[in-house]
C-alpha atoms as a PDB file:
ATOM      1  CA  UNK A   1       0.093  -0.068  -0.233  1.00  0.00           C
ATOM      2  CA  UNK A   2       1.138   3.593  -0.665  1.00  0.00           C
ATOM      3  CA  UNK A   3       1.185   6.059   2.026  1.00  0.00           C
ATOM      4  CA  UNK A   4      -1.701   8.057   0.914  1.00  0.00           C
ATOM      5  CA  UNK A   5      -3.829   4.838   0.667  1.00  0.00           C
ATOM      6  CA  UNK A   6      -2.698   4.177   4.198  1.00  0.00           C
ATOM      7  CA  UNK A   7      -3.543   7.727   5.054  1.00  0.00           C
ATOM      8  CA  UNK A   8      -6.954   7.262   3.539  1.00  0.00           C
ATOM      9  CA  UNK A   9      -7.713   4.052   5.303  1.00  0.00           C
ATOM     10  CA  UNK A  10      -6.847   5.538   8.572  1.00  0.00           C
ATOM     11  CA  UNK A  11      -9.200   8.645   8.262  1.00  0.00           C
ATOM     12  CA  UNK A  12     -12.030   6.294   7.400  1.00  0.00           C
ATOM     13  CA  UNK A  13     -11.296   3.754  10.038  1.00  0.00           C
ATOM     14  CA  UNK A  14     -11.718   6.698  12.707  1.00  0.00           C
ATOM     15  CA  UNK A  15     -14.767   7.511  11.318  1.00  0.00           C
ATOM     16  CA  UNK A  16     -15.778   3.626  11.234  1.00  0.00           C
ATOM     17  CA  UNK A  17     -14.868   3.671  15.216  1.00  0.00           C
ATOM     18  CA  UNK A  18     -17.147   6.535  15.888  1.00  0.00           C
ATOM     19  CA  UNK A  19     -20.197   4.680  14.261  1.00  0.00           C
ATOM     20  CA  UNK A  20     -19.106   1.466  16.297  1.00  0.00           C
ATOM     21  CA  UNK A  21     -19.156   3.597  19.088  1.00  0.00           C
ATOM     22  CA  UNK A  22     -23.009   4.514  18.428  1.00  0.00           C
ATOM     23  CA  UNK A  23     -24.286   0.725  17.825  1.00  0.00           C
ATOM     24  CA  UNK A  24     -23.649   0.035  14.362  1.00  0.00           C
ATOM     25  CA  UNK A  25     -21.600  -3.405  13.581  1.00  0.00           C
ATOM     26  CA  UNK A  26     -18.896  -3.647  10.812  1.00  0.00           C
ATOM     27  CA  UNK A  27     -20.101  -6.069   8.430  1.00  0.00           C
ATOM     28  CA  UNK A  28     -17.537  -5.948   5.929  1.00  0.00           C
ATOM     29  CA  UNK A  29     -14.269  -4.506   4.691  1.00  0.00           C
ATOM     30  CA  UNK A  30     -13.176  -4.307   1.062  1.00  0.00           C
ATOM     31  CA  UNK A  31     -10.277  -2.366  -0.461  1.00  0.00           C
ATOM     32  CA  UNK A  32     -12.634   0.505  -1.424  1.00  0.00           C
ATOM     33  CA  UNK A  33     -14.853   0.829   1.541  1.00  0.00           C
ATOM     34  CA  UNK A  34     -16.116  -0.240   4.908  1.00  0.00           C
ATOM     35  CA  UNK A  35     -20.081  -1.263   5.283  1.00  0.00           C
ATOM     36  CA  UNK A  36     -21.540  -1.043   8.634  1.00  0.00           C
ATOM     37  CA  UNK A  37     -24.790  -2.055   9.319  1.00  0.00           C
ATOM     38  CA  UNK A  38     -27.548  -1.446  12.383  1.00  0.00           C
ATOM     39  CA  UNK A  39     -30.920  -2.599  13.335  1.00  0.00           C
ATOM     40  CA  UNK A  40     -33.255  -0.121  14.911  1.00  0.00           C
ATOM     41  CA  UNK A  41     -36.121  -2.262  16.365  1.00  0.00           C
ATOM     42  CA  UNK A  42     -38.351  -2.211  19.494  1.00  0.00           C
ATOM     43  CA  UNK A  43     -39.853  -5.169  21.153  1.00  0.00           C
ATOM     44  CA  UNK A  44     -43.236  -3.362  21.717  1.00  0.00           C
ATOM     45  CA  UNK A  45     -43.545  -2.576  17.923  1.00  0.00           C
ATOM     46  CA  UNK A  46     -42.953  -6.087  17.217  1.00  0.00           C
ATOM     47  CA  UNK A  47     -45.285  -7.275  19.919  1.00  0.00           C
ATOM     48  CA  UNK A  48     -48.199  -4.679  18.519  1.00  0.00           C
ATOM     49  CA  UNK A  49     -47.956  -5.666  15.076  1.00  0.00           C
ATOM     50  CA  UNK A  50     -47.827  -9.213  15.783  1.00  0.00           C
ATOM     51  CA  UNK A  51     -51.438  -8.551  17.541  1.00  0.00           C
ATOM     52  CA  UNK A  52     -53.016  -6.378  14.847  1.00  0.00           C
ATOM     53  CA  UNK A  53     -51.464  -7.927  11.527  1.00  0.00           C
ATOM     54  CA  UNK A  54     -51.042 -11.567  12.740  1.00  0.00           C
ATOM     55  CA  UNK A  55     -47.494 -11.596  11.723  1.00  0.00           C
ATOM     56  CA  UNK A  56     -47.218  -9.783   8.177  1.00  0.00           C
ATOM     57  CA  UNK A  57     -46.636  -6.412   9.555  1.00  0.00           C
ATOM     58  CA  UNK A  58     -44.169  -7.723  12.026  1.00  0.00           C
ATOM     59  CA  UNK A  59     -42.240  -9.438   8.919  1.00  0.00           C
ATOM     60  CA  UNK A  60     -41.863  -6.149   6.768  1.00  0.00           C
ATOM     61  CA  UNK A  61     -40.986  -4.150   9.950  1.00  0.00           C
ATOM     62  CA  UNK A  62     -38.076  -6.483  10.877  1.00  0.00           C
ATOM     63  CA  UNK A  63     -36.864  -5.865   6.987  1.00  0.00           C
ATOM     64  CA  UNK A  64     -37.527  -2.068   6.722  1.00  0.00           C
ATOM     65  CA  UNK A  65     -35.713  -1.514  10.396  1.00  0.00           C
ATOM     66  CA  UNK A  66     -32.200  -2.846   8.455  1.00  0.00           C
ATOM     67  CA  UNK A  67     -29.799   0.157   7.731  1.00  0.00           C
ATOM     68  CA  UNK A  68     -26.636   0.234   6.183  1.00  0.00           C
ATOM     69  CA  UNK A  69     -23.994   2.538   5.752  1.00  0.00           C
ATOM     70  CA  UNK A  70     -20.943   2.667   3.301  1.00  0.00           C
ATOM     71  CA  UNK A  71     -17.617   4.348   4.189  1.00  0.00           C
ATOM     72  CA  UNK A  72     -15.158   5.231   1.356  1.00  0.00           C
ATOM     73  CA  UNK A  73     -11.370   4.818   2.187  1.00  0.00           C
END
């Protein structure tokens, strides 16, 4: 690696550490980027949706609550 690409990785890594401290998880690291994921779900919302929609709303809520963030190097 060259010095500039190593420097870019270190800058991106500092951003990644900030996101990890805020409940994001590092899903993947490639030579071009870091991929972070987070699920923001509430147990009570799942419970309410289970009672109202008999499970279908629960599945949709689970899929919609996944967030991803890509940090370029």
